[in-house]
Amino acid sequence: MSKKENKIYVMKWTDMEKTLNDDKVDDDDSEDDEDDILQKLNKAPKEPTIRYESINHNGIVNRLRSLHGTPIVATWNDEGEVGIYNVAAAIEELDADVPEAILQETQSKNKKKKNKKA
């Protein structure tokens, strides 16, 4: 792989949910009745969605640091060079609404790929 083929990825993860097995329910403090628990068990979980934008980077990233509260990130590459990047455009693109039809199309393609492997 060439130095110029490396990238920084800015990601947005949505619809991430706890699994029911991760929830701790104390019998003494639980306010859920049996119907509430059955409703939670029968609820179909949403498919998680991961979207990303990539930014070209010169060399392998050894370290990446962000200036908290700003879209500025700094990288240190394998040759000791430091790069400063403004990822605001990538964040704006990820924050833009995506039509539901496109998300469904992507999810259905992913399911088809999974089924082909099986």
N, C-alpha and C. Protein backbone atom coordinates (compact mmCIF):
# COMPACT_ATOMS: atom_id res chain seq x y z
N MET A 1 0.84 -1.18 0.00
CA MET A 1 0.00 0.00 0.00
C MET A 1 0.89 1.24 0.00
N SER A 2 0.56 2.17 -0.82
CA SER A 2 1.30 3.42 -0.93
C SER A 2 0.96 4.35 0.23
N LYS A 3 1.90 5.26 0.55
CA LYS A 3 1.67 6.23 1.62
C LYS A 3 0.42 7.07 1.38
N LYS A 4 0.14 7.36 0.13
CA LYS A 4 -0.97 8.25 -0.21
C LYS A 4 -2.33 7.55 -0.16
N GLU A 5 -2.36 6.23 0.01
CA GLU A 5 -3.62 5.49 0.06
C GLU A 5 -4.21 5.42 1.47
N ASN A 6 -3.52 5.93 2.48
CA ASN A 6 -4.01 5.90 3.85
C ASN A 6 -5.08 6.97 4.06
N LYS A 7 -5.96 6.72 5.03
CA LYS A 7 -7.07 7.63 5.28
C LYS A 7 -7.35 7.75 6.77
N ILE A 8 -7.98 8.86 7.12
CA ILE A 8 -8.57 9.06 8.45
C ILE A 8 -10.07 8.89 8.26
N TYR A 9 -10.70 8.13 9.12
CA TYR A 9 -12.14 7.92 9.01
C TYR A 9 -12.86 8.65 10.13
N VAL A 10 -13.87 9.43 9.75
CA VAL A 10 -14.76 10.09 10.70
C VAL A 10 -16.05 9.31 10.64
N MET A 11 -16.49 8.75 11.78
CA MET A 11 -17.65 7.85 11.78
C MET A 11 -18.79 8.36 12.66
N LYS A 12 -19.98 7.94 12.27
CA LYS A 12 -21.18 8.21 13.07
C LYS A 12 -21.93 6.90 13.22
N TRP A 13 -22.10 6.46 14.45
CA TRP A 13 -22.78 5.20 14.75
C TRP A 13 -24.15 5.56 15.33
N THR A 14 -25.20 4.97 14.79
CA THR A 14 -26.55 5.23 15.30
C THR A 14 -27.28 3.92 15.54
N ASP A 15 -28.35 4.01 16.30
CA ASP A 15 -29.21 2.87 16.65
C ASP A 15 -28.45 1.77 17.37
N MET A 16 -27.47 2.18 18.17
CA MET A 16 -26.76 1.21 19.00
C MET A 16 -27.60 1.04 20.27
N GLU A 17 -27.95 -0.18 20.61
CA GLU A 17 -28.80 -0.43 21.77
C GLU A 17 -28.16 -1.46 22.68
N LYS A 18 -28.47 -1.34 23.94
CA LYS A 18 -28.05 -2.35 24.89
C LYS A 18 -28.81 -3.63 24.60
N THR A 19 -28.18 -4.75 24.84
CA THR A 19 -28.91 -6.00 24.72
C THR A 19 -29.63 -6.28 26.03
N LEU A 20 -30.67 -7.05 25.97
CA LEU A 20 -31.41 -7.35 27.19
C LEU A 20 -30.54 -8.11 28.18
N ASN A 21 -29.58 -8.87 27.71
CA ASN A 21 -28.72 -9.63 28.60
C ASN A 21 -27.77 -8.73 29.38
N ASP A 22 -27.51 -7.52 28.89
CA ASP A 22 -26.63 -6.59 29.59
C ASP A 22 -27.34 -5.81 30.68
N ASP A 23 -28.66 -5.80 30.65
CA ASP A 23 -29.42 -5.06 31.66
C ASP A 23 -29.46 -5.85 32.96
N LYS A 24 -29.07 -5.18 34.04
CA LYS A 24 -29.16 -5.82 35.34
C LYS A 24 -30.46 -5.38 35.99
N VAL A 25 -31.25 -6.33 36.43
CA VAL A 25 -32.52 -6.01 37.08
C VAL A 25 -32.45 -6.55 38.49
N ASP A 26 -32.54 -5.65 39.45
CA ASP A 26 -32.59 -6.06 40.85
C ASP A 26 -34.04 -6.32 41.20
N ASP A 27 -34.31 -7.48 41.79
CA ASP A 27 -35.69 -7.84 42.13
C ASP A 27 -36.30 -6.86 43.13
N ASP A 28 -35.49 -6.35 44.05
CA ASP A 28 -36.01 -5.45 45.08
C ASP A 28 -36.39 -4.09 44.52
N ASP A 29 -35.56 -3.55 43.60
CA ASP A 29 -35.77 -2.19 43.10
C ASP A 29 -36.56 -2.15 41.80
N SER A 30 -36.89 -3.28 41.23
CA SER A 30 -37.55 -3.30 39.92
C SER A 30 -38.97 -2.81 40.02
N GLU A 31 -39.29 -1.83 39.16
CA GLU A 31 -40.66 -1.33 39.09
C GLU A 31 -41.40 -1.92 37.90
N ASP A 32 -40.69 -2.71 37.07
CA ASP A 32 -41.31 -3.33 35.91
C ASP A 32 -42.18 -4.49 36.36
N ASP A 33 -43.39 -4.52 35.84
CA ASP A 33 -44.21 -5.69 36.11
C ASP A 33 -43.97 -6.72 35.00
N GLU A 34 -44.60 -7.84 35.10
CA GLU A 34 -44.38 -8.94 34.16
C GLU A 34 -44.71 -8.53 32.72
N ASP A 35 -45.76 -7.73 32.53
CA ASP A 35 -46.13 -7.28 31.18
C ASP A 35 -45.05 -6.40 30.56
N ASP A 36 -44.45 -5.51 31.36
CA ASP A 36 -43.37 -4.66 30.85
C ASP A 36 -42.17 -5.48 30.41
N ILE A 37 -41.83 -6.49 31.19
CA ILE A 37 -40.69 -7.34 30.86
C ILE A 37 -40.96 -8.11 29.57
N LEU A 38 -42.16 -8.65 29.42
CA LEU A 38 -42.51 -9.38 28.20
C LEU A 38 -42.49 -8.46 26.98
N GLN A 39 -42.94 -7.23 27.14
CA GLN A 39 -42.92 -6.26 26.04
C GLN A 39 -41.49 -5.95 25.61
N LYS A 40 -40.58 -5.81 26.56
CA LYS A 40 -39.17 -5.57 26.24
C LYS A 40 -38.56 -6.76 25.50
N LEU A 41 -38.91 -7.96 25.92
CA LEU A 41 -38.37 -9.17 25.28
C LEU A 41 -38.87 -9.33 23.85
N ASN A 42 -40.09 -8.92 23.59
CA ASN A 42 -40.68 -9.08 22.26
C ASN A 42 -40.35 -7.94 21.31
N LYS A 43 -39.77 -6.87 21.81
CA LYS A 43 -39.43 -5.73 20.98
C LYS A 43 -38.29 -6.10 20.02
N ALA A 44 -38.50 -5.86 18.74
CA ALA A 44 -37.46 -6.15 17.75
C ALA A 44 -36.41 -5.05 17.80
N PRO A 45 -35.13 -5.41 17.94
CA PRO A 45 -34.09 -4.38 17.99
C PRO A 45 -33.88 -3.74 16.62
N LYS A 46 -33.46 -2.47 16.64
CA LYS A 46 -33.14 -1.78 15.39
C LYS A 46 -31.79 -2.26 14.89
N GLU A 47 -31.60 -2.21 13.59
CA GLU A 47 -30.30 -2.52 13.00
C GLU A 47 -29.37 -1.33 13.24
N PRO A 48 -28.19 -1.55 13.79
CA PRO A 48 -27.25 -0.44 13.95
C PRO A 48 -26.80 0.08 12.59
N THR A 49 -26.52 1.37 12.52
CA THR A 49 -26.06 1.99 11.28
C THR A 49 -24.72 2.67 11.55
N ILE A 50 -23.77 2.42 10.67
CA ILE A 50 -22.47 3.06 10.76
C ILE A 50 -22.23 3.79 9.45
N ARG A 51 -22.06 5.10 9.54
CA ARG A 51 -21.74 5.91 8.36
C ARG A 51 -20.36 6.50 8.57
N TYR A 52 -19.64 6.73 7.47
CA TYR A 52 -18.31 7.31 7.61
C TYR A 52 -17.97 8.18 6.42
N GLU A 53 -17.05 9.09 6.68
CA GLU A 53 -16.42 9.91 5.65
C GLU A 53 -14.92 9.70 5.82
N SER A 54 -14.19 9.71 4.72
CA SER A 54 -12.75 9.51 4.82
C SER A 54 -12.00 10.75 4.34
N ILE A 55 -10.82 10.94 4.92
CA ILE A 55 -9.94 12.06 4.58
C ILE A 55 -8.58 11.46 4.27
N ASN A 56 -8.00 11.83 3.14
CA ASN A 56 -6.70 11.30 2.76
C ASN A 56 -5.65 11.68 3.80
N HIS A 57 -4.74 10.75 4.07
CA HIS A 57 -3.68 10.97 5.05
C HIS A 57 -2.37 10.45 4.49
N ASN A 58 -1.32 11.20 4.66
CA ASN A 58 0.00 10.83 4.15
C ASN A 58 0.72 9.94 5.16
N GLY A 59 0.77 8.65 4.93
CA GLY A 59 1.45 7.71 5.83
C GLY A 59 0.51 7.07 6.82
N ILE A 60 1.07 6.14 7.60
CA ILE A 60 0.30 5.39 8.59
C ILE A 60 0.13 6.26 9.84
N VAL A 61 -1.09 6.32 10.36
CA VAL A 61 -1.37 7.11 11.56
C VAL A 61 -0.90 6.32 12.79
N ASN A 62 0.04 6.89 13.53
CA ASN A 62 0.47 6.29 14.79
C ASN A 62 -0.38 6.81 15.95
N ARG A 63 -0.69 8.10 15.91
CA ARG A 63 -1.51 8.72 16.95
C ARG A 63 -2.43 9.73 16.33
N LEU A 64 -3.61 9.85 16.93
CA LEU A 64 -4.58 10.85 16.49
C LEU A 64 -5.14 11.50 17.76
N ARG A 65 -5.13 12.80 17.80
CA ARG A 65 -5.66 13.54 18.95
C ARG A 65 -6.63 14.59 18.46
N SER A 66 -7.67 14.84 19.26
CA SER A 66 -8.63 15.87 18.89
C SER A 66 -8.56 17.03 19.87
N LEU A 67 -8.87 18.19 19.37
CA LEU A 67 -8.98 19.38 20.20
C LEU A 67 -10.45 19.41 20.63
N HIS A 68 -10.71 18.96 21.83
CA HIS A 68 -12.08 18.74 22.30
C HIS A 68 -12.98 19.95 22.08
N GLY A 69 -14.18 19.68 21.57
CA GLY A 69 -15.14 20.73 21.32
C GLY A 69 -14.96 21.43 19.98
N THR A 70 -13.97 21.00 19.21
CA THR A 70 -13.73 21.59 17.89
C THR A 70 -13.56 20.46 16.87
N PRO A 71 -13.66 20.78 15.59
CA PRO A 71 -13.45 19.75 14.57
C PRO A 71 -11.98 19.61 14.14
N ILE A 72 -11.07 20.03 15.00
CA ILE A 72 -9.64 19.99 14.67
C ILE A 72 -9.03 18.71 15.25
N VAL A 73 -8.33 17.95 14.40
CA VAL A 73 -7.60 16.77 14.86
C VAL A 73 -6.15 16.86 14.38
N ALA A 74 -5.27 16.25 15.15
CA ALA A 74 -3.86 16.21 14.80
C ALA A 74 -3.43 14.75 14.71
N THR A 75 -2.58 14.44 13.74
CA THR A 75 -2.06 13.08 13.60
C THR A 75 -0.55 13.10 13.65
N TRP A 76 0.00 11.99 14.02
CA TRP A 76 1.43 11.77 13.98
C TRP A 76 1.61 10.51 13.15
N ASN A 77 2.38 10.58 12.06
CA ASN A 77 2.49 9.42 11.18
C ASN A 77 3.74 8.60 11.48
N ASP A 78 3.91 7.51 10.75
CA ASP A 78 5.00 6.57 10.99
C ASP A 78 6.38 7.15 10.70
N GLU A 79 6.44 8.28 10.03
CA GLU A 79 7.73 8.93 9.75
C GLU A 79 8.00 10.12 10.67
N GLY A 80 7.17 10.28 11.72
CA GLY A 80 7.35 11.35 12.68
C GLY A 80 6.81 12.69 12.25
N GLU A 81 6.03 12.74 11.17
CA GLU A 81 5.44 13.99 10.71
C GLU A 81 4.10 14.22 11.40
N VAL A 82 3.83 15.48 11.70
CA VAL A 82 2.56 15.85 12.34
C VAL A 82 1.67 16.52 11.30
N GLY A 83 0.40 16.15 11.30
CA GLY A 83 -0.57 16.77 10.39
C GLY A 83 -1.74 17.32 11.19
N ILE A 84 -2.26 18.46 10.78
CA ILE A 84 -3.41 19.09 11.42
C ILE A 84 -4.55 19.08 10.41
N TYR A 85 -5.74 18.61 10.82
CA TYR A 85 -6.87 18.47 9.91
C TYR A 85 -8.11 19.10 10.52
N ASN A 86 -8.90 19.74 9.69
CA ASN A 86 -10.21 20.25 10.08
C ASN A 86 -11.23 19.28 9.49
N VAL A 87 -11.92 18.54 10.35
CA VAL A 87 -12.86 17.51 9.90
C VAL A 87 -14.31 18.02 9.91
N ALA A 88 -14.50 19.33 9.95
CA ALA A 88 -15.84 19.92 10.02
C ALA A 88 -16.71 19.49 8.84
N ALA A 89 -16.15 19.47 7.64
CA ALA A 89 -16.95 19.10 6.46
C ALA A 89 -17.42 17.65 6.57
N ALA A 90 -16.59 16.77 7.07
CA ALA A 90 -16.98 15.37 7.23
C ALA A 90 -18.08 15.23 8.28
N ILE A 91 -17.96 15.98 9.37
CA ILE A 91 -18.98 15.94 10.42
C ILE A 91 -20.31 16.47 9.90
N GLU A 92 -20.27 17.57 9.14
CA GLU A 92 -21.50 18.13 8.57
C GLU A 92 -22.17 17.12 7.63
N GLU A 93 -21.38 16.43 6.83
CA GLU A 93 -21.92 15.43 5.91
C GLU A 93 -22.59 14.29 6.67
N LEU A 94 -21.98 13.87 7.77
CA LEU A 94 -22.54 12.78 8.57
C LEU A 94 -23.78 13.22 9.34
N ASP A 95 -23.84 14.50 9.72
CA ASP A 95 -25.00 15.01 10.44
C ASP A 95 -26.19 15.28 9.53
N ALA A 96 -25.96 15.36 8.23
CA ALA A 96 -27.05 15.60 7.29
C ALA A 96 -27.98 14.39 7.28
N ASP A 97 -29.27 14.67 7.13
CA ASP A 97 -30.25 13.59 7.09
C ASP A 97 -30.06 12.73 5.85
N VAL A 98 -30.19 11.44 6.04
CA VAL A 98 -30.11 10.49 4.93
C VAL A 98 -31.52 9.96 4.71
N PRO A 99 -32.00 9.98 3.48
CA PRO A 99 -33.34 9.44 3.23
C PRO A 99 -33.45 7.99 3.69
N GLU A 100 -34.56 7.66 4.30
CA GLU A 100 -34.79 6.32 4.84
C GLU A 100 -34.64 5.25 3.76
N ALA A 101 -35.03 5.55 2.53
CA ALA A 101 -34.93 4.58 1.44
C ALA A 101 -33.49 4.16 1.20
N ILE A 102 -32.56 5.10 1.31
CA ILE A 102 -31.14 4.77 1.10
C ILE A 102 -30.64 3.88 2.23
N LEU A 103 -31.02 4.18 3.47
CA LEU A 103 -30.61 3.35 4.60
C LEU A 103 -31.17 1.94 4.47
N GLN A 104 -32.43 1.82 4.07
CA GLN A 104 -33.04 0.50 3.91
C GLN A 104 -32.36 -0.27 2.79
N GLU A 105 -32.03 0.42 1.69
CA GLU A 105 -31.36 -0.22 0.57
C GLU A 105 -30.00 -0.77 1.01
N THR A 106 -29.26 0.02 1.76
CA THR A 106 -27.95 -0.40 2.25
C THR A 106 -28.07 -1.59 3.19
N GLN A 107 -29.05 -1.54 4.08
CA GLN A 107 -29.23 -2.64 5.02
C GLN A 107 -29.62 -3.91 4.29
N SER A 108 -30.48 -3.81 3.27
CA SER A 108 -30.89 -5.01 2.55
C SER A 108 -29.72 -5.59 1.76
N LYS A 109 -28.84 -4.74 1.21
CA LYS A 109 -27.65 -5.25 0.51
C LYS A 109 -26.75 -5.99 1.48
N ASN A 110 -26.59 -5.45 2.70
CA ASN A 110 -25.75 -6.11 3.69
C ASN A 110 -26.32 -7.45 4.08
N LYS A 111 -27.64 -7.54 4.20
CA LYS A 111 -28.26 -8.82 4.55
C LYS A 111 -28.06 -9.83 3.43
N LYS A 112 -28.14 -9.39 2.17
CA LYS A 112 -27.93 -10.30 1.06
C LYS A 112 -26.50 -10.82 1.07
N LYS A 113 -25.54 -9.96 1.37
CA LYS A 113 -24.14 -10.38 1.42
C LYS A 113 -23.95 -11.43 2.53
N LYS A 114 -24.58 -11.20 3.68
CA LYS A 114 -24.46 -12.15 4.79
C LYS A 114 -25.06 -13.49 4.40
N ASN A 115 -26.18 -13.46 3.70
CA ASN A 115 -26.84 -14.71 3.31
C ASN A 115 -26.01 -15.48 2.30
N LYS A 116 -25.28 -14.80 1.42
CA LYS A 116 -24.46 -15.47 0.43
C LYS A 116 -23.31 -16.23 1.06
N LYS A 117 -22.77 -15.69 2.16
CA LYS A 117 -21.64 -16.33 2.83
C LYS A 117 -22.08 -17.61 3.54
N ALA A 118 -23.30 -17.64 3.99
CA ALA A 118 -23.79 -18.77 4.79
C ALA A 118 -24.00 -20.01 3.95
